[in-house]
């Protein structure tokens, strides 16, 4: 189908992508844990609409919670897409490459959604 250079380049890029998604999962997991631990004491002084939400992020602005949750979802989906992409690259047949392209498109759209929530914060 194609040369071995394309297969090895795709494999290396998938490994790099998986490491980057692991970093995103670690940072957003820490942020969600930090928000859960400190939300009771910091949200008690807020007005009633902000006090209803069970997770209050004591850093950033009010859009930080949505950004962190979407980033966590995009990170988990991206990590598992990288794993299935590695399996698809190892198999290297046309149906496997189509499934890898479809799952990576879904992950890319989730990552763009999380990025879209981060831009208004700046």
N, C-alpha and C. Protein backbone atom coordinates (compact mmCIF):
# COMPACT_ATOMS: atom_id res chain seq x y z
N UNK A 1 0.83 -1.18 0.00
CA UNK A 1 0.00 0.00 0.00
C UNK A 1 0.87 1.25 0.00
N UNK A 2 1.74 1.41 0.98
CA UNK A 2 2.64 2.55 1.03
C UNK A 2 3.98 2.07 1.58
N UNK A 3 4.93 2.95 1.54
CA UNK A 3 6.25 2.56 2.01
C UNK A 3 6.29 2.49 3.53
N UNK A 4 7.35 1.90 4.05
CA UNK A 4 7.50 1.77 5.49
C UNK A 4 7.82 3.08 6.18
N UNK A 5 8.29 4.09 5.41
CA UNK A 5 8.61 5.39 6.01
C UNK A 5 7.35 6.09 6.51
N UNK A 6 6.26 5.98 5.76
CA UNK A 6 5.00 6.59 6.19
C UNK A 6 4.44 5.91 7.42
N UNK A 7 4.62 4.61 7.48
CA UNK A 7 4.14 3.84 8.62
C UNK A 7 4.93 4.21 9.87
N UNK A 8 6.24 4.33 9.76
CA UNK A 8 7.04 4.65 10.94
C UNK A 8 6.83 6.10 11.37
N UNK A 9 6.63 7.02 10.42
CA UNK A 9 6.36 8.41 10.78
C UNK A 9 5.03 8.54 11.49
N UNK A 10 4.02 7.82 11.01
CA UNK A 10 2.71 7.85 11.66
C UNK A 10 2.80 7.26 13.07
N UNK A 11 3.58 6.21 13.22
CA UNK A 11 3.73 5.58 14.53
C UNK A 11 4.40 6.53 15.51
N UNK A 12 5.45 7.22 15.09
CA UNK A 12 6.16 8.16 15.96
C UNK A 12 5.26 9.33 16.33
N UNK A 13 4.50 9.86 15.38
CA UNK A 13 3.60 10.96 15.67
C UNK A 13 2.47 10.55 16.61
N UNK A 14 2.00 9.33 16.49
CA UNK A 14 0.98 8.85 17.41
C UNK A 14 1.51 8.70 18.83
N UNK A 15 2.75 8.24 18.96
CA UNK A 15 3.36 8.13 20.29
C UNK A 15 3.53 9.53 20.90
N UNK A 16 4.01 10.49 20.10
CA UNK A 16 4.17 11.86 20.59
C UNK A 16 2.82 12.45 20.98
N UNK A 17 1.81 12.23 20.18
CA UNK A 17 0.46 12.72 20.47
C UNK A 17 -0.09 12.10 21.75
N UNK A 18 0.19 10.82 21.96
CA UNK A 18 -0.28 10.15 23.17
C UNK A 18 0.38 10.74 24.41
N UNK A 19 1.66 11.06 24.32
CA UNK A 19 2.35 11.67 25.45
C UNK A 19 1.78 13.06 25.75
N UNK A 20 1.48 13.82 24.71
CA UNK A 20 0.90 15.15 24.91
C UNK A 20 -0.50 15.05 25.51
N UNK A 21 -1.29 14.09 25.08
CA UNK A 21 -2.61 13.92 25.68
C UNK A 21 -2.50 13.45 27.14
N UNK A 22 -1.49 12.67 27.47
CA UNK A 22 -1.28 12.30 28.87
C UNK A 22 -0.96 13.52 29.72
N UNK A 23 -0.20 14.46 29.19
CA UNK A 23 0.10 15.69 29.91
C UNK A 23 -1.17 16.51 30.12
N UNK A 24 -2.01 16.59 29.10
CA UNK A 24 -3.29 17.31 29.22
C UNK A 24 -4.18 16.65 30.27
N UNK A 25 -4.23 15.32 30.28
CA UNK A 25 -5.04 14.60 31.27
C UNK A 25 -4.51 14.85 32.67
N UNK A 26 -3.21 14.86 32.85
CA UNK A 26 -2.63 15.07 34.18
C UNK A 26 -2.93 16.48 34.69
N UNK A 27 -2.78 17.49 33.84
CA UNK A 27 -3.02 18.86 34.28
C UNK A 27 -4.50 19.11 34.57
N UNK A 28 -5.37 18.66 33.68
CA UNK A 28 -6.80 18.88 33.91
C UNK A 28 -7.33 18.02 35.05
N UNK A 29 -6.77 16.83 35.23
CA UNK A 29 -7.16 16.01 36.37
C UNK A 29 -6.78 16.68 37.69
N UNK A 30 -5.59 17.30 37.73
CA UNK A 30 -5.19 18.04 38.92
C UNK A 30 -6.12 19.22 39.16
N UNK A 31 -6.49 19.93 38.09
CA UNK A 31 -7.36 21.10 38.24
C UNK A 31 -8.74 20.71 38.76
N UNK A 32 -9.29 19.61 38.25
CA UNK A 32 -10.61 19.15 38.72
C UNK A 32 -10.51 18.70 40.18
N UNK A 33 -9.45 17.99 40.54
CA UNK A 33 -9.26 17.56 41.93
C UNK A 33 -9.11 18.76 42.85
N UNK A 34 -8.34 19.74 42.45
CA UNK A 34 -8.15 20.95 43.25
C UNK A 34 -9.47 21.68 43.43
N UNK A 35 -10.27 21.75 42.38
CA UNK A 35 -11.56 22.43 42.46
C UNK A 35 -12.53 21.69 43.36
N UNK A 36 -12.52 20.36 43.32
CA UNK A 36 -13.43 19.59 44.17
C UNK A 36 -13.05 19.74 45.64
N UNK A 37 -11.76 19.71 45.94
CA UNK A 37 -11.31 19.80 47.33
C UNK A 37 -11.63 21.17 47.93
N UNK A 38 -11.41 22.24 47.17
CA UNK A 38 -11.56 23.58 47.72
C UNK A 38 -12.86 24.27 47.35
N UNK A 39 -13.78 23.59 46.70
CA UNK A 39 -14.99 24.26 46.24
C UNK A 39 -15.94 24.61 47.39
N UNK A 40 -16.01 23.80 48.43
CA UNK A 40 -16.95 24.07 49.51
C UNK A 40 -16.59 25.36 50.25
N UNK A 41 -15.31 25.54 50.54
CA UNK A 41 -14.94 26.73 51.31
C UNK A 41 -14.87 28.00 50.46
N UNK A 42 -14.53 27.89 49.19
CA UNK A 42 -14.43 29.09 48.37
C UNK A 42 -15.76 29.50 47.76
N UNK A 43 -16.64 28.56 47.52
CA UNK A 43 -17.93 28.90 46.90
C UNK A 43 -18.96 29.33 47.93
N UNK A 44 -18.67 29.22 49.21
CA UNK A 44 -19.66 29.59 50.22
C UNK A 44 -19.89 31.09 50.28
N UNK A 45 -18.96 31.89 49.80
CA UNK A 45 -19.12 33.34 49.83
C UNK A 45 -19.68 33.90 48.53
N UNK A 46 -19.90 33.06 47.55
CA UNK A 46 -20.40 33.51 46.25
C UNK A 46 -21.91 33.68 46.27
N UNK A 47 -22.46 34.45 45.32
CA UNK A 47 -23.92 34.56 45.23
C UNK A 47 -24.54 33.22 44.79
N UNK A 48 -25.83 33.12 44.87
CA UNK A 48 -26.53 31.84 44.72
C UNK A 48 -26.33 31.14 43.37
N UNK A 49 -26.27 31.78 42.20
CA UNK A 49 -26.09 30.97 40.98
C UNK A 49 -24.75 30.24 40.95
N UNK A 50 -23.70 30.87 41.42
CA UNK A 50 -22.38 30.23 41.41
C UNK A 50 -22.25 29.19 42.51
N UNK A 51 -23.02 29.32 43.57
CA UNK A 51 -22.96 28.36 44.67
C UNK A 51 -23.66 27.04 44.32
N UNK A 52 -24.56 27.06 43.34
CA UNK A 52 -25.30 25.85 42.97
C UNK A 52 -24.41 24.85 42.25
N UNK A 53 -23.50 25.34 41.41
CA UNK A 53 -22.62 24.45 40.66
C UNK A 53 -21.72 23.69 41.63
N UNK A 54 -21.67 22.36 41.56
CA UNK A 54 -20.95 21.60 42.59
C UNK A 54 -19.43 21.74 42.55
N UNK A 55 -18.87 22.13 41.42
CA UNK A 55 -17.42 22.30 41.32
C UNK A 55 -17.14 23.76 41.00
N UNK A 56 -16.49 24.45 41.92
CA UNK A 56 -16.11 25.84 41.69
C UNK A 56 -14.59 25.90 41.57
N UNK A 57 -14.10 26.52 40.52
CA UNK A 57 -12.66 26.63 40.30
C UNK A 57 -12.17 27.93 40.93
N UNK A 58 -11.33 27.84 41.96
CA UNK A 58 -10.88 29.05 42.64
C UNK A 58 -9.82 29.83 41.87
N UNK A 59 -9.50 29.42 40.68
CA UNK A 59 -8.53 30.14 39.85
C UNK A 59 -9.17 30.41 38.50
N UNK A 60 -8.67 31.42 37.81
CA UNK A 60 -9.23 31.77 36.52
C UNK A 60 -10.52 32.56 36.67
N UNK A 61 -11.34 32.55 35.62
CA UNK A 61 -12.62 33.24 35.69
C UNK A 61 -13.75 32.20 35.64
N UNK A 62 -14.96 32.64 35.43
CA UNK A 62 -16.10 31.72 35.49
C UNK A 62 -16.14 30.75 34.32
N UNK A 63 -15.40 30.99 33.25
CA UNK A 63 -15.37 30.07 32.12
C UNK A 63 -14.32 28.97 32.30
N UNK A 64 -13.54 29.04 33.36
CA UNK A 64 -12.48 28.07 33.57
C UNK A 64 -13.04 26.66 33.76
N UNK A 65 -14.15 26.54 34.46
CA UNK A 65 -14.73 25.22 34.70
C UNK A 65 -15.13 24.51 33.43
N UNK A 66 -15.76 25.24 32.51
CA UNK A 66 -16.17 24.65 31.24
C UNK A 66 -14.95 24.25 30.42
N UNK A 67 -13.94 25.12 30.42
CA UNK A 67 -12.71 24.83 29.67
C UNK A 67 -12.01 23.60 30.21
N UNK A 68 -11.91 23.48 31.53
CA UNK A 68 -11.20 22.34 32.12
C UNK A 68 -11.96 21.04 31.87
N UNK A 69 -13.26 21.06 32.00
CA UNK A 69 -14.05 19.84 31.77
C UNK A 69 -13.94 19.40 30.31
N UNK A 70 -14.07 20.33 29.36
CA UNK A 70 -13.93 19.96 27.94
C UNK A 70 -12.52 19.51 27.61
N UNK A 71 -11.53 20.10 28.25
CA UNK A 71 -10.15 19.67 28.01
C UNK A 71 -9.92 18.26 28.55
N UNK A 72 -10.51 17.94 29.69
CA UNK A 72 -10.39 16.59 30.23
C UNK A 72 -11.05 15.57 29.31
N UNK A 73 -12.22 15.90 28.80
CA UNK A 73 -12.91 14.99 27.88
C UNK A 73 -12.10 14.81 26.59
N UNK A 74 -11.60 15.92 26.05
CA UNK A 74 -10.79 15.84 24.82
C UNK A 74 -9.50 15.07 25.06
N UNK A 75 -8.90 15.21 26.23
CA UNK A 75 -7.67 14.48 26.53
C UNK A 75 -7.88 12.99 26.63
N UNK A 76 -8.96 12.59 27.29
CA UNK A 76 -9.23 11.15 27.44
C UNK A 76 -9.59 10.53 26.08
N UNK A 77 -10.44 11.21 25.32
CA UNK A 77 -10.80 10.69 24.00
C UNK A 77 -9.57 10.65 23.10
N UNK A 78 -8.73 11.68 23.16
CA UNK A 78 -7.52 11.71 22.35
C UNK A 78 -6.53 10.63 22.71
N UNK A 79 -6.39 10.34 24.00
CA UNK A 79 -5.48 9.28 24.43
C UNK A 79 -5.92 7.93 23.89
N UNK A 80 -7.20 7.63 24.02
CA UNK A 80 -7.67 6.34 23.52
C UNK A 80 -7.73 6.28 22.00
N UNK A 81 -7.89 7.42 21.35
CA UNK A 81 -7.78 7.44 19.90
C UNK A 81 -6.36 7.15 19.45
N UNK A 82 -5.38 7.64 20.20
CA UNK A 82 -3.98 7.33 19.88
C UNK A 82 -3.69 5.85 20.03
N UNK A 83 -4.27 5.23 21.05
CA UNK A 83 -4.06 3.78 21.23
C UNK A 83 -4.67 3.01 20.07
N UNK A 84 -5.91 3.35 19.70
CA UNK A 84 -6.51 2.65 18.56
C UNK A 84 -5.80 2.99 17.26
N UNK A 85 -5.27 4.21 17.14
CA UNK A 85 -4.51 4.58 15.95
C UNK A 85 -3.22 3.80 15.83
N UNK A 86 -2.58 3.53 16.96
CA UNK A 86 -1.36 2.71 16.93
C UNK A 86 -1.68 1.30 16.46
N UNK A 87 -2.78 0.75 16.94
CA UNK A 87 -3.19 -0.59 16.50
C UNK A 87 -3.51 -0.56 15.01
N UNK A 88 -4.18 0.50 14.55
CA UNK A 88 -4.52 0.60 13.13
C UNK A 88 -3.29 0.76 12.25
N UNK A 89 -2.29 1.48 12.73
CA UNK A 89 -1.06 1.65 11.94
C UNK A 89 -0.28 0.34 11.90
N UNK A 90 -0.30 -0.41 12.97
CA UNK A 90 0.39 -1.71 12.97
C UNK A 90 -0.27 -2.65 11.97
N UNK A 91 -1.60 -2.65 11.89
CA UNK A 91 -2.32 -3.51 10.93
C UNK A 91 -2.11 -3.02 9.50
N UNK A 92 -2.21 -1.69 9.28
CA UNK A 92 -1.94 -1.01 8.01
C UNK A 92 -2.70 -1.58 6.81
N UNK A 93 -4.00 -1.71 6.97
CA UNK A 93 -4.87 -2.03 5.84
C UNK A 93 -5.81 -0.86 5.63
N UNK A 94 -6.47 -0.83 4.49
CA UNK A 94 -7.31 0.30 4.14
C UNK A 94 -8.47 0.51 5.12
N UNK A 95 -9.20 -0.53 5.53
CA UNK A 95 -10.27 -0.28 6.51
C UNK A 95 -9.74 0.23 7.85
N UNK A 96 -8.56 -0.23 8.26
CA UNK A 96 -8.00 0.25 9.52
C UNK A 96 -7.59 1.72 9.41
N UNK A 97 -7.08 2.11 8.28
CA UNK A 97 -6.68 3.51 8.11
C UNK A 97 -7.89 4.43 8.05
N UNK A 98 -9.00 3.96 7.50
CA UNK A 98 -10.23 4.76 7.49
C UNK A 98 -10.78 4.93 8.90
N UNK A 99 -10.75 3.87 9.70
CA UNK A 99 -11.24 4.00 11.07
C UNK A 99 -10.34 4.90 11.90
N UNK A 100 -9.03 4.86 11.66
CA UNK A 100 -8.11 5.76 12.37
C UNK A 100 -8.37 7.21 11.98
N UNK A 101 -8.65 7.46 10.71
CA UNK A 101 -8.94 8.83 10.27
C UNK A 101 -10.25 9.34 10.87
N UNK A 102 -11.25 8.49 10.95
CA UNK A 102 -12.54 8.91 11.50
C UNK A 102 -12.43 9.21 13.00
N UNK A 103 -11.75 8.37 13.74
CA UNK A 103 -11.62 8.62 15.17
C UNK A 103 -10.73 9.82 15.45
N UNK A 104 -9.71 10.04 14.63
CA UNK A 104 -8.87 11.22 14.85
C UNK A 104 -9.62 12.50 14.50
N UNK A 105 -10.55 12.45 13.57
CA UNK A 105 -11.36 13.62 13.25
C UNK A 105 -12.28 13.99 14.41
N UNK A 106 -12.83 12.99 15.09
CA UNK A 106 -13.66 13.24 16.26
C UNK A 106 -12.82 13.86 17.38
N UNK A 107 -11.63 13.34 17.60
CA UNK A 107 -10.75 13.88 18.63
C UNK A 107 -10.33 15.30 18.30
N UNK A 108 -10.05 15.56 17.05
CA UNK A 108 -9.65 16.89 16.63
C UNK A 108 -10.78 17.89 16.86
N UNK A 109 -12.02 17.49 16.58
CA UNK A 109 -13.14 18.40 16.80
C UNK A 109 -13.36 18.68 18.29
N UNK A 110 -13.17 17.68 19.14
CA UNK A 110 -13.27 17.91 20.59
C UNK A 110 -12.15 18.83 21.09
N UNK A 111 -10.97 18.67 20.55
CA UNK A 111 -9.85 19.53 20.94
C UNK A 111 -10.12 20.97 20.48
N UNK A 112 -10.67 21.15 19.29
CA UNK A 112 -11.03 22.49 18.84
C UNK A 112 -12.12 23.10 19.71
N UNK A 113 -13.06 22.29 20.19
CA UNK A 113 -14.10 22.78 21.07
C UNK A 113 -13.50 23.28 22.38
N UNK A 114 -12.58 22.51 22.95
CA UNK A 114 -11.93 22.94 24.19
C UNK A 114 -11.08 24.18 23.96
N UNK A 115 -10.43 24.26 22.83
CA UNK A 115 -9.62 25.44 22.51
C UNK A 115 -10.51 26.66 22.32
N UNK A 116 -11.67 26.49 21.74
CA UNK A 116 -12.59 27.60 21.57
C UNK A 116 -13.06 28.16 22.88
N UNK A 117 -13.18 27.34 23.90
CA UNK A 117 -13.54 27.84 25.22
C UNK A 117 -12.38 28.54 25.91
N UNK A 118 -11.16 28.23 25.51
CA UNK A 118 -10.02 28.86 26.18
C UNK A 118 -9.71 30.23 25.61
N UNK A 119 -10.03 30.51 24.37
CA UNK A 119 -9.68 31.79 23.77
C UNK A 119 -10.40 32.99 24.41
N UNK A 120 -11.69 32.91 24.77
CA UNK A 120 -12.30 34.08 25.40
C UNK A 120 -11.71 34.41 26.78
N UNK A 121 -10.99 33.49 27.39
CA UNK A 121 -10.41 33.76 28.69
C UNK A 121 -9.25 34.73 28.60
N UNK A 122 -8.61 34.81 27.47
CA UNK A 122 -7.45 35.70 27.35
C UNK A 122 -7.93 37.04 26.96
